[in-house]
């Protein structure tokens, strides 16, 4: 059974930090580009960042998080992380871990940034 289990969301003040984790199982981790998407109330889901978990480690970020968010992976533990620094109220959303082809999705974790 494929599972992507997120953790690490919560409530934080603007300027603060959170680290999201995504534990993957049930599929070959190295075969996929995995990352984070988010959906704010009333808005469409958007891609935040993706990382290719094979050795080339190719990474991408949406412009709005560049310089503030860092994606990384621990291939030995089939886990992807998203370190979020200098959070802003507009980062408030449900964050989803997913394969970046949209094939597999986690259940989401809420991130709320207060002003």
Protein backbone atom coordinates (compact mmCIF):
# COMPACT_ATOMS: atom_id res chain seq x y z
CA UNK A 1 0.00 0.00 0.00
CA UNK A 2 1.35 3.41 -1.00
CA UNK A 3 1.55 5.91 1.83
CA UNK A 4 2.81 9.47 2.10
CA UNK A 5 2.51 10.65 5.68
CA UNK A 6 3.14 14.31 6.47
CA UNK A 7 4.00 15.78 9.84
CA UNK A 8 5.31 19.03 11.25
CA UNK A 9 2.56 21.49 10.46
CA UNK A 10 1.21 23.92 13.02
CA UNK A 11 0.66 27.51 14.01
CA UNK A 12 3.55 29.96 13.91
CA UNK A 13 3.99 33.71 13.96
CA UNK A 14 5.17 35.58 10.88
CA UNK A 15 8.94 35.35 10.61
CA UNK A 16 9.00 31.97 12.30
CA UNK A 17 10.00 28.56 11.00
CA UNK A 18 8.51 25.10 10.58
CA UNK A 19 9.91 21.86 9.21
CA UNK A 20 7.60 19.50 7.40
CA UNK A 21 8.42 15.82 7.00
CA UNK A 22 6.98 13.28 4.60
CA UNK A 23 7.55 9.57 5.14
CA UNK A 24 6.98 7.54 1.98
CA UNK A 25 6.33 3.82 1.68
CA UNK A 26 4.87 1.32 -0.73
CA UNK A 27 6.69 2.45 -3.85
CA UNK A 28 10.25 2.78 -5.08
CA UNK A 29 11.32 6.11 -3.64
CA UNK A 30 14.27 6.61 -5.98
CA UNK A 31 12.06 6.30 -9.08
CA UNK A 32 10.10 9.47 -8.32
CA UNK A 33 10.38 13.21 -8.05
CA UNK A 34 8.68 14.02 -4.74
CA UNK A 35 7.71 17.32 -3.29
CA UNK A 36 5.26 19.63 -1.66
CA UNK A 37 2.10 21.30 -2.84
CA UNK A 38 -0.17 23.66 -0.94
CA UNK A 39 -3.72 24.87 -1.09
CA UNK A 40 -4.95 27.97 0.66
CA UNK A 41 -8.66 28.60 1.31
CA UNK A 42 -10.38 29.72 -1.88
CA UNK A 43 -7.29 29.19 -4.00
CA UNK A 44 -6.09 26.52 -6.37
CA UNK A 45 -3.50 24.02 -5.31
CA UNK A 46 0.04 25.08 -6.28
CA UNK A 47 3.35 23.34 -6.44
CA UNK A 48 5.83 24.58 -3.83
CA UNK A 49 8.96 22.51 -4.34
CA UNK A 50 10.07 19.21 -5.83
CA UNK A 51 13.19 17.10 -5.48
CA UNK A 52 14.30 14.16 -7.53
CA UNK A 53 15.26 11.53 -5.00
CA UNK A 54 17.72 9.79 -7.30
CA UNK A 55 21.36 10.74 -7.17
CA UNK A 56 21.05 13.86 -9.34
CA UNK A 57 18.94 15.53 -6.65
CA UNK A 58 17.38 18.02 -9.05
CA UNK A 59 15.38 20.65 -7.12
CA UNK A 60 12.78 23.25 -8.05
CA UNK A 61 10.93 25.95 -6.12
CA UNK A 62 8.01 28.20 -6.84
CA UNK A 63 9.24 31.80 -6.97
CA UNK A 64 7.32 32.90 -3.88
CA UNK A 65 9.33 30.61 -1.57
CA UNK A 66 12.80 30.88 -3.09
CA UNK A 67 15.34 31.88 -0.46
CA UNK A 68 12.99 30.96 2.38
CA UNK A 69 12.14 27.27 1.90
CA UNK A 70 14.58 24.39 1.49
CA UNK A 71 13.64 20.90 0.33
CA UNK A 72 15.80 17.90 1.11
CA UNK A 73 15.52 14.13 1.20
CA UNK A 74 16.89 11.25 3.21
CA UNK A 75 16.84 8.41 0.71
CA UNK A 76 17.84 5.83 3.32
CA UNK A 77 14.66 6.66 5.24
CA UNK A 78 12.42 7.39 2.22
CA UNK A 79 11.68 10.79 3.74
CA UNK A 80 11.40 14.27 2.25
CA UNK A 81 11.65 17.44 4.29
CA UNK A 82 10.61 21.03 3.75
CA UNK A 83 12.34 23.57 5.95
CA UNK A 84 10.30 26.75 5.92
CA UNK A 85 11.92 29.91 7.27
CA UNK A 86 10.74 33.50 7.45
CA UNK A 87 7.15 32.36 7.11
CA UNK A 88 4.56 34.85 5.96
CA UNK A 89 0.78 34.92 6.47
CA UNK A 90 0.37 34.18 2.77
CA UNK A 91 2.10 30.84 3.34
CA UNK A 92 -0.95 29.71 5.30
CA UNK A 93 -2.33 26.61 3.58
CA UNK A 94 -2.74 22.88 3.76
CA UNK A 95 0.55 21.42 2.63
CA UNK A 96 0.54 18.11 0.78
CA UNK A 97 3.39 15.75 0.13
CA UNK A 98 3.07 14.10 -3.26
CA UNK A 99 4.95 12.61 -6.12
CA UNK A 100 5.37 15.53 -8.46
CA UNK A 101 3.62 13.71 -11.29
CA UNK A 102 0.52 13.79 -9.12
CA UNK A 103 0.30 10.04 -8.89
CA UNK A 104 0.48 9.65 -5.11
CA UNK A 105 -0.69 12.11 -2.42
CA UNK A 106 -0.53 12.44 1.32
CA UNK A 107 -3.43 13.57 3.48
CA UNK A 108 -2.08 17.06 4.07
CA UNK A 109 -0.93 19.04 7.08
CA UNK A 110 -2.13 22.50 8.07
CA UNK A 111 0.32 25.37 8.26
CA UNK A 112 -1.02 28.60 9.73
CA UNK A 113 1.08 31.76 9.92
CA UNK A 114 -0.28 34.55 12.06
CA UNK A 115 0.57 38.19 11.46
